[in-house]
Amino acid sequence: MLDLFGTPVLPGATSAESFLSPPEEQALIRAIDRLNLAPFRFQGWVGKRLTHSFGLHYDFDHASLAPTTPMPTWLLPIRDRVAAFAGLVPDALIQALLTRYDPGAGIGWHRDRPHFDHVVGLSLGAPADMRFRRRMGERFERATMPLPPRGIYHLQGVARYEWEHSIAEMAAIRWSITFRSLSPRGRSALSYGAR
């Protein structure tokens, strides 16, 4: 995410358009829609967006991280390309969260769970804006990153840990695939859970 002079608007946030071709986008949308998508759950609340996790699942009702179904073979080449964009080895991206945002679905202000480190996402279908904010005294500093269809974004460092992000309610259907790497806390949680 750069300004007119090539300076990062938000340190740690990078993005690119047309990461996927239109046929790749359509194939991924069909694959997501074939999954057993379930409403997002957060501490007893049920959200409008529909999700499915591969690799790891974070249970917001119990604040726990656990292994789940491995990433399917159709998703692995995409993960490998996403990892290359982010400068990561493919195996570092241990979780994939696939989401469908039907009209009226969005995602409120949040930071990703501290169990995860790098966050790399693909945006499919309708365009959206990822909004960022961080508190500066009594006000919020704000920034916006467009999420065009077939685009990719990567959050790390300051953008990942110091800023919250959200997506307003959608007017048309949007799908996303979000890959995450583990933080030291996440690795510790998995090691503890395996005992």
Foldseek 3Di string as FASTA:
>chain_A
DADPVRHDPFPQKDKDPQLDDVVVLVVVVVVLVVDPWDFDDALNDTFDKTKDKAQWDQDNVVRAIDGDHHDDPVCQVVLCSQCVVVVHHSVQQRMKMKIKAAAQGKWDWDAPDLQWFKKKKAKADQKWKKKKWADDDPDIDIDIDIHHHGMMMMGHDCRRPGIIIITGGDRHMMMMMMTTGGDPVNVVRHVVVVD
